[in-house]
Amino acid sequence: MDTQLKKGILELIILKHLRDKDCYAYELNKIINKVIEINESTSYAILKKMINKGYCDFYMSESDGNYPSRKYYKITDFGKLELIKNIEIWNEFQANINELLK
């Protein structure tokens, strides 16, 4: 799969999961790897880029003594708007490709 296309799809997948619940990077990586194989460094790079774009933000969880604190990522209001827009773009793209493959 083309690298740029894959990165765009990964952003869409990450935004969708962050809309549903806040996640830490390793958790997101496990979810994504069920469908698309990526390494952890790719996840972190995409999350950093998404923070810079304003799509998501992060906060640190409290340590409970058994587990260290974790960095949780959460979607921003701008990220929610971007998700809606990109789902529409994806659906149109997918429909066009399906039409071409008939």
N, C-alpha and C. Protein backbone atom coordinates (compact mmCIF):
# COMPACT_ATOMS: atom_id res chain seq x y z
N MET A 1 0.85 -1.18 0.00
CA MET A 1 0.00 0.00 0.00
C MET A 1 0.89 1.24 0.00
N ASP A 2 0.52 2.23 -0.77
CA ASP A 2 1.24 3.49 -0.84
C ASP A 2 1.39 4.10 0.55
N THR A 3 2.58 4.58 0.88
CA THR A 3 2.87 5.10 2.21
C THR A 3 1.98 6.28 2.57
N GLN A 4 1.79 7.23 1.67
CA GLN A 4 0.96 8.41 1.96
C GLN A 4 -0.49 8.02 2.18
N LEU A 5 -1.00 7.12 1.37
CA LEU A 5 -2.37 6.64 1.54
C LEU A 5 -2.52 5.94 2.88
N LYS A 6 -1.53 5.11 3.23
CA LYS A 6 -1.56 4.39 4.50
C LYS A 6 -1.57 5.36 5.68
N LYS A 7 -0.74 6.41 5.62
CA LYS A 7 -0.70 7.39 6.71
C LYS A 7 -2.03 8.11 6.86
N GLY A 8 -2.66 8.44 5.74
CA GLY A 8 -3.97 9.10 5.79
C GLY A 8 -5.02 8.20 6.40
N ILE A 9 -4.98 6.93 6.03
CA ILE A 9 -5.93 5.96 6.59
C ILE A 9 -5.67 5.78 8.08
N LEU A 10 -4.40 5.75 8.47
CA LEU A 10 -4.07 5.60 9.89
C LEU A 10 -4.59 6.78 10.70
N GLU A 11 -4.46 7.99 10.17
CA GLU A 11 -5.01 9.16 10.87
C GLU A 11 -6.51 9.01 11.05
N LEU A 12 -7.19 8.56 10.02
CA LEU A 12 -8.64 8.37 10.07
C LEU A 12 -9.00 7.33 11.13
N ILE A 13 -8.29 6.21 11.15
CA ILE A 13 -8.54 5.15 12.13
C ILE A 13 -8.29 5.65 13.55
N ILE A 14 -7.19 6.36 13.74
CA ILE A 14 -6.86 6.88 15.07
C ILE A 14 -7.91 7.87 15.53
N LEU A 15 -8.31 8.79 14.67
CA LEU A 15 -9.35 9.76 15.04
C LEU A 15 -10.65 9.06 15.42
N LYS A 16 -11.02 8.04 14.66
CA LYS A 16 -12.25 7.30 14.95
C LYS A 16 -12.18 6.67 16.34
N HIS A 17 -11.05 6.05 16.67
CA HIS A 17 -10.92 5.40 17.98
C HIS A 17 -10.83 6.42 19.11
N LEU A 18 -10.19 7.55 18.86
CA LEU A 18 -10.12 8.59 19.90
C LEU A 18 -11.48 9.25 20.11
N ARG A 19 -12.32 9.26 19.08
CA ARG A 19 -13.67 9.77 19.25
C ARG A 19 -14.44 8.88 20.22
N ASP A 20 -14.19 7.57 20.14
CA ASP A 20 -14.89 6.62 21.00
C ASP A 20 -14.37 6.62 22.43
N LYS A 21 -13.06 6.76 22.59
CA LYS A 21 -12.47 6.80 23.94
C LYS A 21 -11.02 7.25 23.87
N ASP A 22 -10.55 7.84 24.95
CA ASP A 22 -9.15 8.22 25.05
C ASP A 22 -8.31 6.94 25.10
N CYS A 23 -7.15 6.97 24.46
CA CYS A 23 -6.29 5.78 24.39
C CYS A 23 -4.84 6.18 24.56
N TYR A 24 -4.03 5.24 25.00
CA TYR A 24 -2.59 5.44 24.99
C TYR A 24 -2.03 4.82 23.72
N ALA A 25 -0.83 5.20 23.34
CA ALA A 25 -0.28 4.84 22.03
C ALA A 25 -0.20 3.33 21.81
N TYR A 26 0.24 2.59 22.81
CA TYR A 26 0.36 1.14 22.64
C TYR A 26 -1.00 0.51 22.38
N GLU A 27 -2.02 1.00 23.06
CA GLU A 27 -3.38 0.50 22.87
C GLU A 27 -3.85 0.76 21.43
N LEU A 28 -3.61 1.97 20.93
CA LEU A 28 -3.96 2.30 19.55
C LEU A 28 -3.20 1.41 18.57
N ASN A 29 -1.94 1.18 18.86
CA ASN A 29 -1.11 0.35 17.99
C ASN A 29 -1.66 -1.08 17.90
N LYS A 30 -2.11 -1.63 19.02
CA LYS A 30 -2.69 -2.98 19.02
C LYS A 30 -3.96 -3.02 18.18
N ILE A 31 -4.80 -2.00 18.30
CA ILE A 31 -6.05 -1.93 17.53
C ILE A 31 -5.75 -1.88 16.04
N ILE A 32 -4.83 -1.01 15.66
CA ILE A 32 -4.48 -0.83 14.24
C ILE A 32 -3.86 -2.09 13.67
N ASN A 33 -2.99 -2.74 14.45
CA ASN A 33 -2.29 -3.93 13.95
C ASN A 33 -3.20 -5.12 13.70
N LYS A 34 -4.43 -5.05 14.14
CA LYS A 34 -5.39 -6.10 13.81
C LYS A 34 -5.73 -6.06 12.32
N VAL A 35 -5.55 -4.88 11.71
CA VAL A 35 -5.94 -4.69 10.30
C VAL A 35 -4.75 -4.32 9.41
N ILE A 36 -3.93 -3.39 9.88
CA ILE A 36 -2.79 -2.89 9.10
C ILE A 36 -1.55 -3.03 9.97
N GLU A 37 -0.53 -3.68 9.45
CA GLU A 37 0.69 -3.87 10.22
C GLU A 37 1.52 -2.59 10.24
N ILE A 38 1.73 -2.06 11.45
CA ILE A 38 2.60 -0.90 11.63
C ILE A 38 3.43 -1.13 12.88
N ASN A 39 4.55 -0.41 12.98
CA ASN A 39 5.35 -0.52 14.20
C ASN A 39 5.02 0.65 15.13
N GLU A 40 5.46 0.53 16.37
CA GLU A 40 5.13 1.56 17.37
C GLU A 40 5.68 2.93 16.99
N SER A 41 6.85 2.97 16.40
CA SER A 41 7.43 4.28 16.05
C SER A 41 6.55 5.01 15.04
N THR A 42 5.91 4.27 14.15
CA THR A 42 4.99 4.89 13.19
C THR A 42 3.80 5.49 13.91
N SER A 43 3.24 4.75 14.88
CA SER A 43 2.11 5.26 15.66
C SER A 43 2.47 6.57 16.36
N TYR A 44 3.63 6.58 17.02
CA TYR A 44 4.05 7.78 17.74
C TYR A 44 4.27 8.95 16.78
N ALA A 45 4.86 8.69 15.63
CA ALA A 45 5.09 9.76 14.66
C ALA A 45 3.78 10.34 14.15
N ILE A 46 2.81 9.48 13.87
CA ILE A 46 1.50 9.96 13.40
C ILE A 46 0.79 10.73 14.50
N LEU A 47 0.84 10.24 15.73
CA LEU A 47 0.20 10.95 16.85
C LEU A 47 0.83 12.33 17.05
N LYS A 48 2.15 12.41 16.95
CA LYS A 48 2.83 13.70 17.09
C LYS A 48 2.37 14.67 16.00
N LYS A 49 2.28 14.18 14.77
CA LYS A 49 1.82 14.99 13.65
C LYS A 49 0.38 15.45 13.87
N MET A 50 -0.45 14.55 14.39
CA MET A 50 -1.85 14.89 14.63
C MET A 50 -2.00 15.93 15.74
N ILE A 51 -1.14 15.87 16.74
CA ILE A 51 -1.14 16.90 17.79
C ILE A 51 -0.76 18.24 17.18
N ASN A 52 0.28 18.25 16.33
CA ASN A 52 0.71 19.49 15.69
C ASN A 52 -0.37 20.09 14.80
N LYS A 53 -1.19 19.23 14.18
CA LYS A 53 -2.30 19.71 13.35
C LYS A 53 -3.50 20.16 14.18
N GLY A 54 -3.50 19.82 15.48
CA GLY A 54 -4.62 20.19 16.35
C GLY A 54 -5.75 19.18 16.36
N TYR A 55 -5.52 17.98 15.81
CA TYR A 55 -6.56 16.95 15.76
C TYR A 55 -6.74 16.25 17.11
N CYS A 56 -5.67 16.16 17.87
CA CYS A 56 -5.76 15.50 19.18
C CYS A 56 -4.80 16.17 20.14
N ASP A 57 -4.95 15.82 21.40
CA ASP A 57 -4.10 16.33 22.46
C ASP A 57 -3.81 15.15 23.39
N PHE A 58 -3.07 15.39 24.45
CA PHE A 58 -2.78 14.30 25.37
C PHE A 58 -2.80 14.80 26.80
N TYR A 59 -2.89 13.86 27.72
CA TYR A 59 -2.79 14.15 29.15
C TYR A 59 -2.13 12.94 29.80
N MET A 60 -1.57 13.15 30.97
CA MET A 60 -0.92 12.06 31.69
C MET A 60 -1.88 11.52 32.74
N SER A 61 -1.99 10.19 32.80
CA SER A 61 -2.83 9.56 33.83
C SER A 61 -2.06 9.54 35.14
N GLU A 62 -2.79 9.39 36.22
CA GLU A 62 -2.17 9.27 37.53
C GLU A 62 -1.63 7.86 37.71
N SER A 63 -0.49 7.74 38.35
CA SER A 63 0.04 6.42 38.67
C SER A 63 -0.71 5.90 39.89
N ASP A 64 -1.12 4.63 39.84
CA ASP A 64 -1.85 4.07 40.98
C ASP A 64 -0.95 3.19 41.85
N GLY A 65 0.33 3.23 41.64
CA GLY A 65 1.26 2.42 42.41
C GLY A 65 1.59 1.12 41.71
N ASN A 66 0.61 0.51 41.08
CA ASN A 66 0.85 -0.75 40.35
C ASN A 66 1.33 -0.49 38.93
N TYR A 67 0.86 0.61 38.35
CA TYR A 67 1.20 0.95 36.98
C TYR A 67 1.76 2.36 36.94
N PRO A 68 2.74 2.59 36.06
CA PRO A 68 3.24 3.97 35.92
C PRO A 68 2.19 4.84 35.23
N SER A 69 2.37 6.15 35.32
CA SER A 69 1.45 7.04 34.61
C SER A 69 1.62 6.81 33.11
N ARG A 70 0.54 7.04 32.38
CA ARG A 70 0.55 6.85 30.94
C ARG A 70 0.10 8.12 30.25
N LYS A 71 0.59 8.27 29.02
CA LYS A 71 0.16 9.39 28.19
C LYS A 71 -1.06 8.94 27.39
N TYR A 72 -2.21 9.56 27.69
CA TYR A 72 -3.44 9.26 26.96
C TYR A 72 -3.69 10.33 25.92
N TYR A 73 -4.12 9.90 24.76
CA TYR A 73 -4.45 10.81 23.67
C TYR A 73 -5.96 10.97 23.60
N LYS A 74 -6.40 12.19 23.31
CA LYS A 74 -7.83 12.47 23.19
C LYS A 74 -8.07 13.34 21.97
N ILE A 75 -9.22 13.17 21.36
CA ILE A 75 -9.57 13.94 20.17
C ILE A 75 -9.99 15.34 20.58
N THR A 76 -9.66 16.33 19.78
CA THR A 76 -10.10 17.71 20.02
C THR A 76 -11.38 17.98 19.22
N ASP A 77 -12.00 19.11 19.49
CA ASP A 77 -13.18 19.49 18.71
C ASP A 77 -12.82 19.62 17.23
N PHE A 78 -11.66 20.19 16.95
CA PHE A 78 -11.19 20.31 15.57
C PHE A 78 -10.99 18.92 14.96
N GLY A 79 -10.46 17.99 15.75
CA GLY A 79 -10.27 16.62 15.29
C GLY A 79 -11.59 15.94 14.96
N LYS A 80 -12.62 16.23 15.74
CA LYS A 80 -13.95 15.66 15.47
C LYS A 80 -14.49 16.16 14.13
N LEU A 81 -14.30 17.44 13.87
CA LEU A 81 -14.72 18.00 12.58
C LEU A 81 -13.93 17.39 11.43
N GLU A 82 -12.65 17.24 11.64
CA GLU A 82 -11.77 16.64 10.62
C GLU A 82 -12.17 15.19 10.36
N LEU A 83 -12.54 14.48 11.41
CA LEU A 83 -12.98 13.09 11.26
C LEU A 83 -14.23 13.01 10.39
N ILE A 84 -15.21 13.85 10.66
CA ILE A 84 -16.44 13.86 9.86
C ILE A 84 -16.12 14.13 8.40
N LYS A 85 -15.29 15.16 8.17
CA LYS A 85 -14.91 15.52 6.80
C LYS A 85 -14.18 14.37 6.10
N ASN A 86 -13.25 13.75 6.80
CA ASN A 86 -12.45 12.69 6.19
C ASN A 86 -13.23 11.40 5.98
N ILE A 87 -14.23 11.13 6.81
CA ILE A 87 -15.09 9.97 6.57
C ILE A 87 -15.88 10.18 5.28
N GLU A 88 -16.37 11.40 5.07
CA GLU A 88 -17.09 11.71 3.83
C GLU A 88 -16.17 11.55 2.62
N ILE A 89 -14.96 12.06 2.72
CA ILE A 89 -13.98 11.93 1.63
C ILE A 89 -13.67 10.46 1.38
N TRP A 90 -13.45 9.69 2.44
CA TRP A 90 -13.15 8.27 2.31
C TRP A 90 -14.30 7.52 1.63
N ASN A 91 -15.53 7.79 2.07
CA ASN A 91 -16.69 7.11 1.49
C ASN A 91 -16.83 7.41 0.00
N GLU A 92 -16.60 8.67 -0.37
CA GLU A 92 -16.67 9.04 -1.79
C GLU A 92 -15.55 8.36 -2.58
N PHE A 93 -14.34 8.38 -2.03
CA PHE A 93 -13.20 7.74 -2.67
C PHE A 93 -13.46 6.25 -2.87
N GLN A 94 -13.93 5.60 -1.83
CA GLN A 94 -14.21 4.17 -1.88
C GLN A 94 -15.29 3.86 -2.92
N ALA A 95 -16.34 4.66 -2.97
CA ALA A 95 -17.41 4.46 -3.96
C ALA A 95 -16.87 4.62 -5.38
N ASN A 96 -16.02 5.63 -5.59
CA ASN A 96 -15.43 5.85 -6.92
C ASN A 96 -14.53 4.68 -7.34
N ILE A 97 -13.73 4.20 -6.42
CA ILE A 97 -12.85 3.06 -6.73
C ILE A 97 -13.69 1.82 -7.02
N ASN A 98 -14.72 1.59 -6.21
CA ASN A 98 -15.59 0.43 -6.45
C ASN A 98 -16.25 0.51 -7.82
N GLU A 99 -16.64 1.71 -8.22
CA GLU A 99 -17.26 1.90 -9.54
C GLU A 99 -16.25 1.58 -10.65
N LEU A 100 -15.03 2.01 -10.47
CA LEU A 100 -13.99 1.75 -11.47
C LEU A 100 -13.64 0.27 -11.57
N LEU A 101 -13.79 -0.45 -10.48
CA LEU A 101 -13.42 -1.87 -10.47
C LEU A 101 -14.53 -2.80 -10.93
N LYS A 102 -15.69 -2.25 -11.27
CA LYS A 102 -16.80 -3.09 -11.75
C LYS A 102 -16.51 -3.64 -13.12
